[in-house]
């Protein structure tokens, strides 16, 4: 029997295809149902690191303030915390331009 992980630490398992999968709860929707996400890797240690990072990043976003955000504010927060660390520099430039010139001026104050 495997070791138990603490609440909120997610879980790790080996998939039938040989890869390792880590699952965690990213939040809850309006009805209270858990939103589950996963990370994959070739080794268990790799998945442990990815899982820790994903849980830490998920905790940085304050879902409780969702009603206070405007579309522009939320898009900027999403970009800085979720998207920017994982994309190439050219994609970052494209996203920044698109957000500032298309999203914010048109629907940013909603």
N, C-alpha and C. Protein backbone atom coordinates (compact mmCIF):
# COMPACT_ATOMS: atom_id res chain seq x y z
N UNK A 1 0.85 -1.18 0.00
CA UNK A 1 0.00 0.00 0.00
C UNK A 1 0.89 1.24 0.00
N UNK A 2 0.55 2.23 -0.83
CA UNK A 2 1.35 3.43 -0.96
C UNK A 2 1.19 4.38 0.22
N UNK A 3 2.08 5.36 0.27
CA UNK A 3 2.01 6.37 1.33
C UNK A 3 0.84 7.30 1.09
N UNK A 4 0.26 7.78 2.19
CA UNK A 4 -0.83 8.74 2.09
C UNK A 4 -0.26 10.13 1.99
N UNK A 5 -0.88 10.95 1.18
CA UNK A 5 -0.47 12.34 1.04
C UNK A 5 -1.41 13.21 1.85
N UNK A 6 -0.93 14.35 2.30
CA UNK A 6 -1.74 15.25 3.10
C UNK A 6 -2.85 15.87 2.25
N UNK A 7 -3.91 16.32 2.90
CA UNK A 7 -5.00 16.98 2.19
C UNK A 7 -4.46 18.21 1.46
N UNK A 8 -4.88 18.38 0.22
CA UNK A 8 -4.45 19.51 -0.58
C UNK A 8 -3.16 19.28 -1.34
N UNK A 9 -2.52 18.12 -1.15
CA UNK A 9 -1.26 17.83 -1.85
C UNK A 9 -1.48 17.10 -3.17
N UNK A 10 -2.71 16.78 -3.51
CA UNK A 10 -2.98 16.06 -4.75
C UNK A 10 -2.63 14.59 -4.61
N UNK A 11 -2.64 13.87 -5.73
CA UNK A 11 -2.22 12.47 -5.70
C UNK A 11 -1.42 12.15 -6.94
N UNK A 12 -0.62 11.09 -6.85
CA UNK A 12 0.27 10.69 -7.95
C UNK A 12 0.04 9.22 -8.22
N UNK A 13 -0.03 8.87 -9.51
CA UNK A 13 -0.21 7.47 -9.88
C UNK A 13 0.54 7.20 -11.18
N UNK A 14 0.81 5.93 -11.43
CA UNK A 14 1.44 5.53 -12.68
C UNK A 14 0.34 5.09 -13.64
N UNK A 15 0.36 5.66 -14.83
CA UNK A 15 -0.66 5.35 -15.84
C UNK A 15 -0.30 4.06 -16.58
N UNK A 16 -1.29 3.44 -17.22
CA UNK A 16 -1.01 2.22 -17.98
C UNK A 16 0.01 2.40 -19.11
N UNK A 17 0.14 3.64 -19.63
CA UNK A 17 1.10 3.87 -20.71
C UNK A 17 2.52 4.10 -20.20
N UNK A 18 2.74 4.00 -18.88
CA UNK A 18 4.08 4.11 -18.31
C UNK A 18 4.43 5.49 -17.78
N UNK A 19 3.63 6.51 -18.13
CA UNK A 19 3.90 7.85 -17.61
C UNK A 19 3.30 8.00 -16.22
N UNK A 20 3.75 9.02 -15.50
CA UNK A 20 3.22 9.32 -14.18
C UNK A 20 2.27 10.51 -14.29
N UNK A 21 1.20 10.49 -13.48
CA UNK A 21 0.20 11.54 -13.49
C UNK A 21 -0.02 12.05 -12.07
N UNK A 22 -0.05 13.36 -11.93
CA UNK A 22 -0.39 13.98 -10.65
C UNK A 22 -1.69 14.75 -10.82
N UNK A 23 -2.62 14.57 -9.89
CA UNK A 23 -3.91 15.27 -9.96
C UNK A 23 -4.08 16.14 -8.73
N UNK A 24 -4.75 17.28 -8.93
CA UNK A 24 -5.02 18.19 -7.82
C UNK A 24 -6.32 18.94 -8.07
N UNK A 25 -6.88 19.50 -7.00
CA UNK A 25 -8.11 20.28 -7.10
C UNK A 25 -7.71 21.74 -7.26
N UNK A 26 -8.12 22.34 -8.38
CA UNK A 26 -7.76 23.73 -8.69
C UNK A 26 -8.75 24.72 -8.13
N UNK A 27 -9.89 24.28 -7.69
CA UNK A 27 -10.92 25.16 -7.15
C UNK A 27 -12.27 24.48 -7.23
N UNK A 28 -13.32 25.26 -7.07
CA UNK A 28 -14.68 24.74 -7.14
C UNK A 28 -15.53 25.65 -8.01
N UNK A 29 -16.46 25.07 -8.74
CA UNK A 29 -17.35 25.88 -9.57
C UNK A 29 -18.51 26.41 -8.73
N UNK A 30 -19.48 27.07 -9.40
CA UNK A 30 -20.59 27.71 -8.69
C UNK A 30 -21.42 26.71 -7.88
N UNK A 31 -21.53 25.49 -8.36
CA UNK A 31 -22.34 24.48 -7.67
C UNK A 31 -21.57 23.77 -6.57
N UNK A 32 -20.28 24.08 -6.40
CA UNK A 32 -19.47 23.46 -5.36
C UNK A 32 -18.70 22.24 -5.83
N UNK A 33 -18.86 21.88 -7.11
CA UNK A 33 -18.17 20.72 -7.65
C UNK A 33 -16.68 21.05 -7.83
N UNK A 34 -15.80 20.11 -7.47
CA UNK A 34 -14.36 20.33 -7.56
C UNK A 34 -13.91 20.40 -9.02
N UNK A 35 -13.02 21.34 -9.30
CA UNK A 35 -12.39 21.45 -10.61
C UNK A 35 -11.03 20.77 -10.49
N UNK A 36 -10.87 19.64 -11.17
CA UNK A 36 -9.64 18.86 -11.07
C UNK A 36 -8.77 19.10 -12.29
N UNK A 37 -7.47 19.20 -12.05
CA UNK A 37 -6.50 19.34 -13.13
C UNK A 37 -5.41 18.31 -12.92
N UNK A 38 -4.58 18.09 -13.96
CA UNK A 38 -3.51 17.11 -13.82
C UNK A 38 -2.23 17.58 -14.49
N UNK A 39 -1.13 16.95 -14.10
CA UNK A 39 0.18 17.16 -14.71
C UNK A 39 0.74 15.78 -15.04
N UNK A 40 1.54 15.71 -16.09
CA UNK A 40 2.12 14.44 -16.53
C UNK A 40 3.64 14.55 -16.57
N UNK A 41 4.31 13.41 -16.41
CA UNK A 41 5.76 13.38 -16.50
C UNK A 41 6.26 11.97 -16.72
N UNK A 42 7.55 11.87 -17.05
CA UNK A 42 8.14 10.55 -17.29
C UNK A 42 8.53 9.85 -15.99
N UNK A 43 8.88 10.64 -14.96
CA UNK A 43 9.28 10.04 -13.69
C UNK A 43 8.41 10.57 -12.56
N UNK A 44 8.39 9.82 -11.47
CA UNK A 44 7.59 10.22 -10.32
C UNK A 44 8.14 11.52 -9.71
N UNK A 45 9.45 11.66 -9.65
CA UNK A 45 10.05 12.87 -9.09
C UNK A 45 9.70 14.10 -9.92
N UNK A 46 9.69 13.95 -11.24
CA UNK A 46 9.33 15.05 -12.12
C UNK A 46 7.88 15.49 -11.87
N UNK A 47 7.00 14.52 -11.71
CA UNK A 47 5.59 14.84 -11.46
C UNK A 47 5.42 15.49 -10.10
N UNK A 48 6.17 15.06 -9.09
CA UNK A 48 6.09 15.68 -7.76
C UNK A 48 6.41 17.17 -7.85
N UNK A 49 7.48 17.50 -8.58
CA UNK A 49 7.86 18.91 -8.73
C UNK A 49 6.81 19.70 -9.49
N UNK A 50 6.33 19.14 -10.59
CA UNK A 50 5.29 19.81 -11.38
C UNK A 50 4.03 20.01 -10.56
N UNK A 51 3.67 19.01 -9.77
CA UNK A 51 2.46 19.08 -8.95
C UNK A 51 2.60 20.18 -7.89
N UNK A 52 3.75 20.25 -7.22
CA UNK A 52 3.98 21.30 -6.23
C UNK A 52 3.86 22.68 -6.87
N UNK A 53 4.47 22.83 -8.05
CA UNK A 53 4.44 24.12 -8.75
C UNK A 53 3.01 24.49 -9.16
N UNK A 54 2.27 23.53 -9.68
CA UNK A 54 0.90 23.79 -10.13
C UNK A 54 0.00 24.17 -8.95
N UNK A 55 0.15 23.49 -7.83
CA UNK A 55 -0.66 23.81 -6.65
C UNK A 55 -0.30 25.19 -6.12
N UNK A 56 0.99 25.53 -6.12
CA UNK A 56 1.44 26.84 -5.66
C UNK A 56 0.89 27.95 -6.57
N UNK A 57 0.93 27.75 -7.89
CA UNK A 57 0.41 28.75 -8.83
C UNK A 57 -1.10 28.89 -8.70
N UNK A 58 -1.77 27.77 -8.46
CA UNK A 58 -3.22 27.80 -8.32
C UNK A 58 -3.61 28.59 -7.07
N UNK A 59 -2.83 28.51 -6.03
CA UNK A 59 -3.13 29.22 -4.79
C UNK A 59 -2.92 30.72 -4.93
N UNK A 60 -2.10 31.16 -5.90
CA UNK A 60 -1.83 32.58 -6.10
C UNK A 60 -3.04 33.33 -6.63
N UNK A 61 -3.92 32.67 -7.35
CA UNK A 61 -5.10 33.31 -7.91
C UNK A 61 -6.19 33.33 -6.85
N UNK A 62 -6.69 34.51 -6.53
CA UNK A 62 -7.70 34.65 -5.49
C UNK A 62 -9.09 34.58 -6.10
N UNK A 63 -9.69 33.40 -6.07
CA UNK A 63 -11.00 33.17 -6.66
C UNK A 63 -12.09 33.93 -5.90
N UNK A 64 -11.89 34.18 -4.62
CA UNK A 64 -12.89 34.87 -3.81
C UNK A 64 -13.16 36.29 -4.32
N UNK A 65 -12.18 36.89 -5.00
CA UNK A 65 -12.35 38.25 -5.51
C UNK A 65 -12.90 38.27 -6.94
N UNK A 66 -13.39 37.16 -7.42
CA UNK A 66 -13.83 37.07 -8.81
C UNK A 66 -14.92 38.08 -9.15
N UNK A 67 -15.80 38.40 -8.22
CA UNK A 67 -16.86 39.35 -8.50
C UNK A 67 -16.36 40.79 -8.54
N UNK A 68 -15.18 41.05 -7.97
CA UNK A 68 -14.61 42.40 -7.97
C UNK A 68 -13.83 42.69 -9.25
N UNK A 69 -13.43 41.66 -10.00
CA UNK A 69 -12.63 41.84 -11.20
C UNK A 69 -13.46 42.38 -12.35
N UNK A 70 -12.82 43.19 -13.18
CA UNK A 70 -13.38 43.50 -14.49
C UNK A 70 -12.74 42.52 -15.46
N UNK A 71 -13.25 42.45 -16.67
CA UNK A 71 -12.66 41.54 -17.66
C UNK A 71 -11.20 41.92 -17.90
N UNK A 72 -10.93 43.22 -18.01
CA UNK A 72 -9.56 43.67 -18.24
C UNK A 72 -8.64 43.27 -17.10
N UNK A 73 -9.09 43.45 -15.85
CA UNK A 73 -8.28 43.08 -14.69
C UNK A 73 -8.04 41.59 -14.61
N UNK A 74 -9.09 40.82 -14.89
CA UNK A 74 -8.95 39.37 -14.84
C UNK A 74 -8.00 38.87 -15.94
N UNK A 75 -8.11 39.39 -17.14
CA UNK A 75 -7.24 38.95 -18.23
C UNK A 75 -5.78 39.26 -17.90
N UNK A 76 -5.53 40.43 -17.35
CA UNK A 76 -4.15 40.78 -16.97
C UNK A 76 -3.64 39.84 -15.87
N UNK A 77 -4.47 39.56 -14.87
CA UNK A 77 -4.07 38.64 -13.79
C UNK A 77 -3.82 37.25 -14.34
N UNK A 78 -4.72 36.76 -15.18
CA UNK A 78 -4.54 35.44 -15.80
C UNK A 78 -3.24 35.39 -16.59
N UNK A 79 -3.00 36.41 -17.37
CA UNK A 79 -1.80 36.43 -18.21
C UNK A 79 -0.54 36.39 -17.36
N UNK A 80 -0.47 37.21 -16.33
CA UNK A 80 0.74 37.29 -15.50
C UNK A 80 0.98 36.02 -14.69
N UNK A 81 -0.08 35.42 -14.13
CA UNK A 81 0.12 34.29 -13.23
C UNK A 81 0.06 32.93 -13.93
N UNK A 82 -0.78 32.79 -14.93
CA UNK A 82 -0.98 31.46 -15.53
C UNK A 82 -0.29 31.28 -16.88
N UNK A 83 -0.35 32.29 -17.72
CA UNK A 83 0.12 32.11 -19.09
C UNK A 83 1.58 32.49 -19.29
N UNK A 84 1.96 33.66 -18.84
CA UNK A 84 3.28 34.21 -19.13
C UNK A 84 4.45 33.29 -18.75
N UNK A 85 4.42 32.63 -17.58
CA UNK A 85 5.56 31.78 -17.23
C UNK A 85 5.76 30.57 -18.13
N UNK A 86 4.78 30.22 -18.96
CA UNK A 86 4.84 28.97 -19.72
C UNK A 86 4.93 29.16 -21.23
N UNK A 87 5.04 30.40 -21.71
CA UNK A 87 5.01 30.61 -23.16
C UNK A 87 6.28 31.29 -23.64
N UNK A 88 6.53 31.19 -24.95
CA UNK A 88 7.71 31.80 -25.54
C UNK A 88 7.60 33.32 -25.53
N UNK A 89 8.74 33.97 -25.69
CA UNK A 89 8.79 35.44 -25.66
C UNK A 89 7.95 36.06 -26.78
N UNK A 90 7.96 35.47 -27.96
CA UNK A 90 7.18 36.03 -29.07
C UNK A 90 5.68 35.91 -28.79
N UNK A 91 5.28 34.83 -28.16
CA UNK A 91 3.88 34.66 -27.80
C UNK A 91 3.49 35.65 -26.71
N UNK A 92 4.41 35.90 -25.77
CA UNK A 92 4.15 36.90 -24.72
C UNK A 92 3.87 38.27 -25.33
N UNK A 93 4.68 38.66 -26.30
CA UNK A 93 4.49 39.96 -26.96
C UNK A 93 3.13 40.01 -27.66
N UNK A 94 2.78 38.93 -28.34
CA UNK A 94 1.49 38.88 -29.03
C UNK A 94 0.34 39.02 -28.04
N UNK A 95 0.39 38.25 -26.94
CA UNK A 95 -0.67 38.30 -25.93
C UNK A 95 -0.78 39.70 -25.33
N UNK A 96 0.36 40.31 -24.98
CA UNK A 96 0.34 41.64 -24.38
C UNK A 96 -0.31 42.65 -25.32
N UNK A 97 0.08 42.63 -26.58
CA UNK A 97 -0.51 43.55 -27.56
C UNK A 97 -2.02 43.29 -27.72
N UNK A 98 -2.39 42.03 -27.81
CA UNK A 98 -3.80 41.70 -28.01
C UNK A 98 -4.64 42.15 -26.81
N UNK A 99 -4.14 41.90 -25.62
CA UNK A 99 -4.87 42.31 -24.41
C UNK A 99 -5.02 43.82 -24.36
N UNK A 100 -3.93 44.55 -24.58
CA UNK A 100 -3.96 46.01 -24.43
C UNK A 100 -4.69 46.73 -25.56
N UNK A 101 -4.65 46.18 -26.79
CA UNK A 101 -5.24 46.89 -27.93
C UNK A 101 -6.62 46.38 -28.35
N UNK A 102 -6.99 45.17 -27.89
CA UNK A 102 -8.28 44.62 -28.33
C UNK A 102 -9.22 44.32 -27.17
N UNK A 103 -8.74 43.59 -26.17
CA UNK A 103 -9.62 43.16 -25.07
C UNK A 103 -9.96 44.33 -24.16
N UNK A 104 -8.96 45.01 -23.62
CA UNK A 104 -9.20 46.07 -22.63
C UNK A 104 -10.02 47.23 -23.20
N UNK A 105 -9.70 47.76 -24.39
CA UNK A 105 -10.51 48.87 -24.88
C UNK A 105 -11.97 48.52 -25.17
N UNK A 106 -12.24 47.29 -25.57
CA UNK A 106 -13.60 46.92 -25.98
C UNK A 106 -14.45 46.39 -24.84
N UNK A 107 -13.93 45.43 -24.07
CA UNK A 107 -14.75 44.83 -23.01
C UNK A 107 -14.04 44.84 -21.65
N UNK A 108 -12.98 45.59 -21.52
CA UNK A 108 -12.18 45.59 -20.31
C UNK A 108 -12.88 46.12 -19.08
N UNK A 109 -13.87 46.98 -19.23
CA UNK A 109 -14.53 47.57 -18.06
C UNK A 109 -15.76 46.80 -17.59
N UNK A 110 -16.08 45.71 -18.26
CA UNK A 110 -17.25 44.89 -17.88
C UNK A 110 -16.91 44.08 -16.64
